[in-house]
Amino acid sequence: MMKPQGSMKDNAIPLSTYVSILKHPNLWLTALRTLWSFSHPNWWKKKPFLPLPDQKWLSFRLKTAYGNNTDEINGQDLLAWLQWRKDYPC
């Protein structure tokens, strides 16, 4: 089955996104907490055996954030959002 053009690829979080987080150690704990809270239930039972968010959910969130099913998570937007989560924890 073909995916629509512009949709999220499976586990398509660009390396540049991780690099942008690595450059900001003050957000590492917030990023890990966020990843853990958004990870797919029973993530350890499915390949790639990593606590990654569900791809359908991530695609939906990207569509609501950017207005389309983009393949790229904007690194600056992600950093701003992580800073917001750190400043206003729930």
C-alpha atoms as a PDB file:
ATOM      1  CA  MET A   1       0.000   0.000   0.000  1.00  0.00           C
ATOM      2  CA  MET A   2       1.393   3.371  -0.981  1.00  0.00           C
ATOM      3  CA  LYS A   3       1.383   6.255   1.453  1.00  0.00           C
ATOM      4  CA  PRO A   4       0.051   9.619   0.313  1.00  0.00           C
ATOM      5  CA  GLN A   5       2.677  12.056  -0.864  1.00  0.00           C
ATOM      6  CA  GLY A   6       4.017  14.157   1.990  1.00  0.00           C
ATOM      7  CA  SER A   7       2.967  11.746   4.764  1.00  0.00           C
ATOM      8  CA  MET A   8       5.213  10.733   7.647  1.00  0.00           C
ATOM      9  CA  LYS A   9       7.480   7.811   6.854  1.00  0.00           C
ATOM     10  CA  ASP A  10       7.709   5.106   9.487  1.00  0.00           C
ATOM     11  CA  ASN A  11       9.923   6.362  12.318  1.00  0.00           C
ATOM     12  CA  ALA A  12      10.813   9.437  10.264  1.00  0.00           C
ATOM     13  CA  ILE A  13      12.173  11.743  12.899  1.00  0.00           C
ATOM     14  CA  PRO A  14      15.117  13.399  11.157  1.00  0.00           C
ATOM     15  CA  LEU A  15      18.607  13.132  12.619  1.00  0.00           C
ATOM     16  CA  SER A  16      18.791  16.938  12.604  1.00  0.00           C
ATOM     17  CA  THR A  17      15.954  16.972  15.160  1.00  0.00           C
ATOM     18  CA  TYR A  18      17.976  14.866  17.577  1.00  0.00           C
ATOM     19  CA  VAL A  19      21.075  16.970  16.945  1.00  0.00           C
ATOM     20  CA  SER A  20      19.168  20.171  17.758  1.00  0.00           C
ATOM     21  CA  ILE A  21      18.143  18.677  21.118  1.00  0.00           C
ATOM     22  CA  LEU A  22      21.687  17.470  21.849  1.00  0.00           C
ATOM     23  CA  LYS A  23      22.919  21.052  21.518  1.00  0.00           C
ATOM     24  CA  HIS A  24      20.668  22.084  24.445  1.00  0.00           C
ATOM     25  CA  PRO A  25      21.525  19.990  27.535  1.00  0.00           C
ATOM     26  CA  ASN A  26      19.085  21.986  29.650  1.00  0.00           C
ATOM     27  CA  LEU A  27      16.256  20.363  27.639  1.00  0.00           C
ATOM     28  CA  TRP A  28      17.515  16.757  27.720  1.00  0.00           C
ATOM     29  CA  LEU A  29      15.464  15.692  30.736  1.00  0.00           C
ATOM     30  CA  THR A  30      12.358  17.394  29.351  1.00  0.00           C
ATOM     31  CA  ALA A  31      12.892  15.696  25.978  1.00  0.00           C
ATOM     32  CA  LEU A  32      13.260  12.267  27.612  1.00  0.00           C
ATOM     33  CA  ARG A  33      10.168  12.785  29.753  1.00  0.00           C
ATOM     34  CA  THR A  34       8.227  13.896  26.692  1.00  0.00           C
ATOM     35  CA  LEU A  35       9.406  10.944  24.621  1.00  0.00           C
ATOM     36  CA  TRP A  36       8.457   8.565  27.409  1.00  0.00           C
ATOM     37  CA  SER A  37       4.998  10.100  27.889  1.00  0.00           C
ATOM     38  CA  PHE A  38       4.262  10.004  24.135  1.00  0.00           C
ATOM     39  CA  SER A  39       5.720   6.562  23.468  1.00  0.00           C
ATOM     40  CA  HIS A  40       3.486   3.910  22.005  1.00  0.00           C
ATOM     41  CA  PRO A  41       1.970   1.553  24.619  1.00  0.00           C
ATOM     42  CA  ASN A  42       3.836  -1.765  24.756  1.00  0.00           C
ATOM     43  CA  TRP A  43       6.658  -0.303  22.670  1.00  0.00           C
ATOM     44  CA  TRP A  44       8.988  -3.072  23.832  1.00  0.00           C
ATOM     45  CA  LYS A  45       6.892  -5.674  21.979  1.00  0.00           C
ATOM     46  CA  LYS A  46       7.333  -4.189  18.480  1.00  0.00           C
ATOM     47  CA  LYS A  47      10.343  -3.432  16.340  1.00  0.00           C
ATOM     48  CA  PRO A  48      12.399  -1.236  16.574  1.00  0.00           C
ATOM     49  CA  PHE A  49      11.985  -1.843  20.356  1.00  0.00           C
ATOM     50  CA  LEU A  50      12.328   1.865  21.152  1.00  0.00           C
ATOM     51  CA  PRO A  51       9.930   4.155  23.049  1.00  0.00           C
ATOM     52  CA  LEU A  52       8.829   6.094  19.960  1.00  0.00           C
ATOM     53  CA  PRO A  53       5.490   7.831  19.514  1.00  0.00           C
ATOM     54  CA  ASP A  54       2.807   6.134  17.447  1.00  0.00           C
ATOM     55  CA  GLN A  55       3.282   7.143  13.793  1.00  0.00           C
ATOM     56  CA  LYS A  56      -0.415   7.856  13.200  1.00  0.00           C
ATOM     57  CA  TRP A  57      -0.490  10.133  16.238  1.00  0.00           C
ATOM     58  CA  LEU A  58       2.729  11.870  15.204  1.00  0.00           C
ATOM     59  CA  SER A  59       1.430  12.384  11.687  1.00  0.00           C
ATOM     60  CA  PHE A  60      -1.777  13.894  13.084  1.00  0.00           C
ATOM     61  CA  ARG A  61       0.169  16.232  15.386  1.00  0.00           C
ATOM     62  CA  LEU A  62       2.398  17.387  12.526  1.00  0.00           C
ATOM     63  CA  LYS A  63      -0.636  17.989  10.337  1.00  0.00           C
ATOM     64  CA  THR A  64      -2.305  20.088  13.042  1.00  0.00           C
ATOM     65  CA  ALA A  65       0.935  21.997  13.703  1.00  0.00           C
ATOM     66  CA  TYR A  66       2.008  22.657  10.124  1.00  0.00           C
ATOM     67  CA  GLY A  67      -1.218  22.251   8.125  1.00  0.00           C
ATOM     68  CA  ASN A  68       0.029  19.266   6.124  1.00  0.00           C
ATOM     69  CA  ASN A  69       1.640  15.862   6.586  1.00  0.00           C
ATOM     70  CA  THR A  70       5.197  17.109   6.497  1.00  0.00           C
ATOM     71  CA  ASP A  71       8.160  14.739   6.723  1.00  0.00           C
ATOM     72  CA  GLU A  72      10.170  17.232   8.746  1.00  0.00           C
ATOM     73  CA  ILE A  73       9.800  18.280  12.336  1.00  0.00           C
ATOM     74  CA  ASN A  74      11.060  21.842  12.548  1.00  0.00           C
ATOM     75  CA  GLY A  75      13.967  21.770  15.040  1.00  0.00           C
ATOM     76  CA  GLN A  76      13.402  25.339  16.245  1.00  0.00           C
ATOM     77  CA  ASP A  77       9.710  24.656  16.823  1.00  0.00           C
ATOM     78  CA  LEU A  78      10.590  21.510  18.742  1.00  0.00           C
ATOM     79  CA  LEU A  79      13.076  23.366  20.954  1.00  0.00           C
ATOM     80  CA  ALA A  80      10.551  26.123  21.661  1.00  0.00           C
ATOM     81  CA  TRP A  81       7.903  23.543  22.524  1.00  0.00           C
ATOM     82  CA  LEU A  82      10.274  21.621  24.826  1.00  0.00           C
ATOM     83  CA  GLN A  83      11.206  24.879  26.552  1.00  0.00           C
ATOM     84  CA  TRP A  84       7.496  25.606  27.021  1.00  0.00           C
ATOM     85  CA  ARG A  85       6.939  22.114  28.506  1.00  0.00           C
ATOM     86  CA  LYS A  86       9.872  22.688  30.858  1.00  0.00           C
ATOM     87  CA  ASP A  87       8.615  26.109  31.954  1.00  0.00           C
ATOM     88  CA  TYR A  88       4.981  24.980  32.362  1.00  0.00           C
ATOM     89  CA  PRO A  89       5.018  21.318  33.450  1.00  0.00           C
ATOM     90  CA  CYS A  90       1.697  19.561  33.693  1.00  0.00           C
END
